[in-house]
Amino acid sequence: MKTVTVRDLQKKVKECVDHAQEDRVVITRHGKPAAVLVGVEDEDWESVVLQTDPAFWKLIRARRKQPTLSLDQVKKRLRMKR
């Protein structure tokens, strides 16, 4: 992972964007992480939007707390409904 300062980012935007297509670029301000540059070329735009949507991740966290069924339980339920 590459780290650049805000000032260096201003000077080398193209280089940083190119690098971000391969790996994340951490942007620092006053020596502390302030942002992360993530390349999205060749990515499905809908996936990119979901990956950065807090509401989507809140939904995922809530779903993960719910009880799950094993594959055998699902198969039994499906056989019973026929």
C-alpha atoms as a PDB file:
ATOM      1  CA  MET A   1       0.000   0.000   0.000  1.00  0.00           C
ATOM      2  CA  LYS A   2       1.361   3.360  -1.036  1.00  0.00           C
ATOM      3  CA  THR A   3       1.195   6.416   1.224  1.00  0.00           C
ATOM      4  CA  VAL A   4       1.305   9.994  -0.054  1.00  0.00           C
ATOM      5  CA  THR A   5       0.806  13.376   1.540  1.00  0.00           C
ATOM      6  CA  VAL A   6      -1.964  15.701   0.397  1.00  0.00           C
ATOM      7  CA  ARG A   7       0.686  17.973  -1.086  1.00  0.00           C
ATOM      8  CA  ASP A   8       2.291  15.098  -3.042  1.00  0.00           C
ATOM      9  CA  LEU A   9      -1.147  14.001  -4.237  1.00  0.00           C
ATOM     10  CA  GLN A  10      -1.741  17.479  -5.680  1.00  0.00           C
ATOM     11  CA  LYS A  11       1.539  17.238  -7.578  1.00  0.00           C
ATOM     12  CA  LYS A  12       1.160  13.609  -8.716  1.00  0.00           C
ATOM     13  CA  VAL A  13      -2.570  13.001  -9.164  1.00  0.00           C
ATOM     14  CA  LYS A  14      -2.232  10.895 -12.323  1.00  0.00           C
ATOM     15  CA  GLU A  15       0.494   8.696 -10.827  1.00  0.00           C
ATOM     16  CA  CYS A  16      -1.553   8.134  -7.660  1.00  0.00           C
ATOM     17  CA  VAL A  17      -4.729   7.321  -9.594  1.00  0.00           C
ATOM     18  CA  ASP A  18      -2.769   4.868 -11.754  1.00  0.00           C
ATOM     19  CA  HIS A  19      -1.296   3.233  -8.658  1.00  0.00           C
ATOM     20  CA  ALA A  20      -4.736   3.050  -7.021  1.00  0.00           C
ATOM     21  CA  GLN A  21      -5.892   0.718  -9.803  1.00  0.00           C
ATOM     22  CA  GLU A  22      -3.477  -1.878  -8.419  1.00  0.00           C
ATOM     23  CA  ASP A  23      -3.527  -1.128  -4.682  1.00  0.00           C
ATOM     24  CA  ARG A  24      -5.016   1.395  -2.310  1.00  0.00           C
ATOM     25  CA  VAL A  25      -3.243   4.706  -1.774  1.00  0.00           C
ATOM     26  CA  VAL A  26      -3.390   6.211   1.718  1.00  0.00           C
ATOM     27  CA  ILE A  27      -3.410   9.990   1.720  1.00  0.00           C
ATOM     28  CA  THR A  28      -2.017  11.644   4.833  1.00  0.00           C
ATOM     29  CA  ARG A  29      -2.450  15.101   6.284  1.00  0.00           C
ATOM     30  CA  HIS A  30      -0.046  16.270   8.986  1.00  0.00           C
ATOM     31  CA  GLY A  31       1.365  12.717   9.125  1.00  0.00           C
ATOM     32  CA  LYS A  32      -1.981  11.066   9.849  1.00  0.00           C
ATOM     33  CA  PRO A  33      -4.202   9.076   7.450  1.00  0.00           C
ATOM     34  CA  ALA A  34      -6.942  11.334   6.057  1.00  0.00           C
ATOM     35  CA  ALA A  35      -8.321   9.414   3.072  1.00  0.00           C
ATOM     36  CA  VAL A  36      -7.877   6.334   0.924  1.00  0.00           C
ATOM     37  CA  LEU A  37      -7.773   6.413  -2.858  1.00  0.00           C
ATOM     38  CA  VAL A  38      -9.274   3.262  -4.394  1.00  0.00           C
ATOM     39  CA  GLY A  39      -9.172   2.547  -8.107  1.00  0.00           C
ATOM     40  CA  VAL A  40     -12.432   1.553  -9.755  1.00  0.00           C
ATOM     41  CA  GLU A  41     -11.447   1.058 -13.382  1.00  0.00           C
ATOM     42  CA  ASP A  42     -12.861  -2.175 -14.813  1.00  0.00           C
ATOM     43  CA  GLU A  43     -15.238  -2.471 -11.841  1.00  0.00           C
ATOM     44  CA  ASP A  44     -19.002  -2.702 -11.993  1.00  0.00           C
ATOM     45  CA  TRP A  45     -20.265   0.713 -10.894  1.00  0.00           C
ATOM     46  CA  GLU A  46     -23.160  -0.739  -8.890  1.00  0.00           C
ATOM     47  CA  SER A  47     -20.728  -2.884  -6.892  1.00  0.00           C
ATOM     48  CA  VAL A  48     -18.524   0.131  -6.191  1.00  0.00           C
ATOM     49  CA  VAL A  49     -21.512   2.114  -4.921  1.00  0.00           C
ATOM     50  CA  LEU A  50     -22.655  -0.738  -2.651  1.00  0.00           C
ATOM     51  CA  GLN A  51     -19.157  -1.270  -1.261  1.00  0.00           C
ATOM     52  CA  THR A  52     -19.085   2.331  -0.066  1.00  0.00           C
ATOM     53  CA  ASP A  53     -22.700   2.627   1.123  1.00  0.00           C
ATOM     54  CA  PRO A  54     -23.029   2.666   4.943  1.00  0.00           C
ATOM     55  CA  ALA A  55     -26.720   1.711   4.741  1.00  0.00           C
ATOM     56  CA  PHE A  56     -25.845  -1.408   2.740  1.00  0.00           C
ATOM     57  CA  TRP A  57     -23.258  -2.505   5.317  1.00  0.00           C
ATOM     58  CA  LYS A  58     -25.700  -1.816   8.152  1.00  0.00           C
ATOM     59  CA  LEU A  59     -28.141  -4.163   6.420  1.00  0.00           C
ATOM     60  CA  ILE A  60     -25.434  -6.817   6.017  1.00  0.00           C
ATOM     61  CA  ARG A  61     -24.434  -6.577   9.706  1.00  0.00           C
ATOM     62  CA  ALA A  62     -28.076  -6.934  10.771  1.00  0.00           C
ATOM     63  CA  ARG A  63     -28.570  -9.946   8.484  1.00  0.00           C
ATOM     64  CA  ARG A  64     -25.457 -11.649   9.836  1.00  0.00           C
ATOM     65  CA  LYS A  65     -26.925 -11.481  13.358  1.00  0.00           C
ATOM     66  CA  GLN A  66     -30.027 -13.397  12.267  1.00  0.00           C
ATOM     67  CA  PRO A  67     -30.187 -17.186  12.679  1.00  0.00           C
ATOM     68  CA  THR A  68     -29.163 -19.290   9.697  1.00  0.00           C
ATOM     69  CA  LEU A  69     -30.146 -22.693   8.334  1.00  0.00           C
ATOM     70  CA  SER A  70     -27.828 -25.501   7.361  1.00  0.00           C
ATOM     71  CA  LEU A  71     -28.006 -26.927   3.855  1.00  0.00           C
ATOM     72  CA  ASP A  72     -29.647 -30.087   5.244  1.00  0.00           C
ATOM     73  CA  GLN A  73     -32.332 -27.999   6.962  1.00  0.00           C
ATOM     74  CA  VAL A  74     -33.067 -26.150   3.732  1.00  0.00           C
ATOM     75  CA  LYS A  75     -33.298 -29.402   1.777  1.00  0.00           C
ATOM     76  CA  LYS A  76     -35.700 -30.857   4.349  1.00  0.00           C
ATOM     77  CA  ARG A  77     -37.892 -27.754   4.173  1.00  0.00           C
ATOM     78  CA  LEU A  78     -37.980 -27.876   0.397  1.00  0.00           C
ATOM     79  CA  ARG A  79     -38.932 -31.575   0.381  1.00  0.00           C
ATOM     80  CA  MET A  80     -41.708 -30.916   2.879  1.00  0.00           C
ATOM     81  CA  LYS A  81     -43.272 -28.197   0.703  1.00  0.00           C
ATOM     82  CA  ARG A  82     -43.579 -30.390  -2.401  1.00  0.00           C
END
